[in-house]
Amino acid sequence: MNFSEFITEASSAAAASAAAGAGSWISLILPLGLMVLFFYFFIIRPEKKRNQEMQNMLNNIQVADEVVTNGGIIGRVISVKEDTILIETGSDRTKIRVLKHAIAKNNTVHENAQEAAAIKKKKKDKPTEIK
């Protein structure tokens, strides 16, 4: 084997290993990209949607709505402030002040969200007093 044959054989081996190296990068990046897409569409995006729905529900709570707290307390809203809500529970009319973020569910169905926003704006202009 002379020197020129050796150089030709070495260069063809280097080209083959470079092509295999490019293929190995693709085989590493493709599964990683698929995992990122999976996490985005099945974990991150639905969580953002749930958070947005929860924020809309909290912003649209009005006086006389029936709500359920995270602790399982069911009551009727007496007053709404910026970060707290006063609810009345039970037949003995016990009043409890809870944080807005402690509300898990609003059982009152509002027909139109725009009407609810308009009512909230009117009530915001007129402050509610606690007796």
Protein backbone atom coordinates (compact mmCIF):
# COMPACT_ATOMS: atom_id res chain seq x y z
CA MET A 1 0.00 0.00 0.00
CA ASN A 2 1.52 3.26 -1.02
CA PHE A 3 1.05 6.64 0.54
CA SER A 4 -1.56 8.01 -1.93
CA GLU A 5 -3.83 5.00 -1.40
CA PHE A 6 -3.53 5.50 2.35
CA ILE A 7 -4.49 9.19 2.06
CA THR A 8 -7.49 8.37 -0.17
CA GLU A 9 -8.69 5.67 2.19
CA ALA A 10 -8.25 7.94 5.23
CA SER A 11 -10.15 10.82 3.61
CA SER A 12 -13.07 8.55 2.67
CA ALA A 13 -13.15 7.19 6.25
CA ALA A 14 -13.18 10.78 7.60
CA ALA A 15 -16.06 11.71 5.30
CA ALA A 16 -18.02 8.65 6.42
CA SER A 17 -17.46 9.46 10.10
CA ALA A 18 -18.52 13.09 9.51
CA ALA A 19 -21.76 11.90 7.92
CA ALA A 20 -22.31 9.53 10.85
CA GLY A 21 -21.60 12.41 13.25
CA ALA A 22 -24.29 14.56 11.62
CA GLY A 23 -26.73 11.66 11.88
CA SER A 24 -25.90 11.17 15.54
CA TRP A 25 -26.65 14.86 16.27
CA ILE A 26 -30.05 14.51 14.65
CA SER A 27 -30.74 11.35 16.60
CA LEU A 28 -29.95 13.25 19.82
CA ILE A 29 -31.84 16.46 19.04
CA LEU A 30 -34.99 14.89 17.59
CA PRO A 31 -36.10 13.04 20.78
CA LEU A 32 -35.26 16.09 22.89
CA GLY A 33 -37.37 18.32 20.63
CA LEU A 34 -40.25 15.83 20.76
CA MET A 35 -40.08 15.82 24.58
CA VAL A 36 -40.21 19.62 24.68
CA LEU A 37 -43.25 19.64 22.39
CA PHE A 38 -44.93 16.95 24.51
CA PHE A 39 -44.41 18.91 27.74
CA TYR A 40 -45.65 22.13 26.14
CA PHE A 41 -48.85 20.73 24.62
CA PHE A 42 -49.80 18.28 27.39
CA ILE A 43 -48.57 20.02 30.55
CA ILE A 44 -47.70 23.71 30.20
CA ARG A 45 -50.46 24.86 27.84
CA PRO A 46 -53.39 23.22 29.70
CA GLU A 47 -52.07 24.59 33.01
CA LYS A 48 -51.95 28.13 31.59
CA LYS A 49 -55.52 27.70 30.33
CA ARG A 50 -56.72 26.52 33.77
CA ASN A 51 -54.97 29.44 35.47
CA GLN A 52 -56.59 31.91 33.04
CA GLU A 53 -60.07 30.42 33.65
CA MET A 54 -59.52 30.55 37.43
CA GLN A 55 -58.41 34.20 37.24
CA ASN A 56 -61.48 35.09 35.15
CA MET A 57 -63.73 33.32 37.68
CA LEU A 58 -62.14 35.22 40.58
CA ASN A 59 -62.44 38.54 38.77
CA ASN A 60 -66.14 37.95 38.00
CA ILE A 61 -67.28 37.08 41.53
CA GLN A 62 -70.19 39.30 42.53
CA VAL A 63 -72.28 39.94 45.63
CA ALA A 64 -74.93 37.20 46.16
CA ASP A 65 -72.92 34.53 44.31
CA GLU A 66 -72.66 31.13 45.97
CA VAL A 67 -69.02 30.07 46.26
CA VAL A 68 -67.04 27.11 47.59
CA THR A 69 -63.68 27.66 49.28
CA ASN A 70 -60.66 25.37 49.03
CA GLY A 71 -61.49 24.18 52.56
CA GLY A 72 -64.97 23.09 51.46
CA ILE A 73 -66.94 25.94 53.03
CA ILE A 74 -70.02 26.89 51.01
CA GLY A 75 -71.35 30.41 51.38
CA ARG A 76 -72.98 33.40 49.76
CA VAL A 77 -70.83 36.45 48.93
CA ILE A 78 -71.68 39.51 51.04
CA SER A 79 -68.93 41.88 49.85
CA VAL A 80 -66.00 41.81 47.46
CA LYS A 81 -62.82 43.78 47.98
CA GLU A 82 -59.57 43.85 46.07
CA ASP A 83 -58.06 40.71 47.62
CA THR A 84 -60.67 39.47 50.13
CA ILE A 85 -64.26 38.30 50.04
CA LEU A 86 -66.78 38.25 52.89
CA ILE A 87 -69.05 35.21 52.74
CA GLU A 88 -72.07 34.26 54.83
CA THR A 89 -72.44 30.58 55.70
CA GLY A 90 -75.17 28.45 57.22
CA SER A 91 -78.52 29.27 58.71
CA ASP A 92 -76.95 31.10 61.67
CA ARG A 93 -75.57 33.69 59.20
CA THR A 94 -71.93 33.35 60.21
CA LYS A 95 -69.70 35.69 58.24
CA ILE A 96 -66.21 34.62 57.18
CA ARG A 97 -63.60 36.75 55.42
CA VAL A 98 -61.42 34.75 53.01
CA LEU A 99 -58.78 35.59 50.44
CA LYS A 100 -59.96 35.65 46.84
CA HIS A 101 -57.45 32.95 45.94
CA ALA A 102 -59.05 30.63 48.52
CA ILE A 103 -62.18 30.40 46.37
CA ALA A 104 -62.26 27.10 44.47
CA LYS A 105 -65.56 27.37 42.62
CA ASN A 106 -68.35 29.81 41.88
CA ASN A 107 -71.66 27.89 41.85
CA THR A 108 -73.64 30.84 40.47
CA VAL A 109 -73.91 30.78 36.69
CA HIS A 110 -73.75 34.17 35.01
CA GLU A 111 -75.53 34.37 31.68
CA ASN A 112 -73.15 36.84 30.09
CA ALA A 113 -69.60 37.63 31.16
CA GLN A 114 -69.85 41.16 29.72
CA GLU A 115 -72.91 41.88 31.85
CA ALA A 116 -71.01 40.60 34.87
CA ALA A 117 -68.10 42.90 34.07
CA ALA A 118 -70.47 45.89 33.72
CA ILE A 119 -72.13 45.12 37.07
CA LYS A 120 -68.71 44.74 38.71
CA LYS A 121 -67.62 48.11 37.29
CA LYS A 122 -70.75 49.79 38.69
CA LYS A 123 -70.18 48.23 42.10
CA LYS A 124 -66.53 49.23 42.03
CA ASP A 125 -67.54 52.87 41.60
CA LYS A 126 -69.90 52.55 44.58
CA PRO A 127 -68.01 51.15 47.61
CA THR A 128 -69.72 48.43 49.68
CA GLU A 129 -69.65 48.79 53.47
CA ILE A 130 -69.49 45.92 55.95
CA LYS A 131 -72.06 46.14 58.76
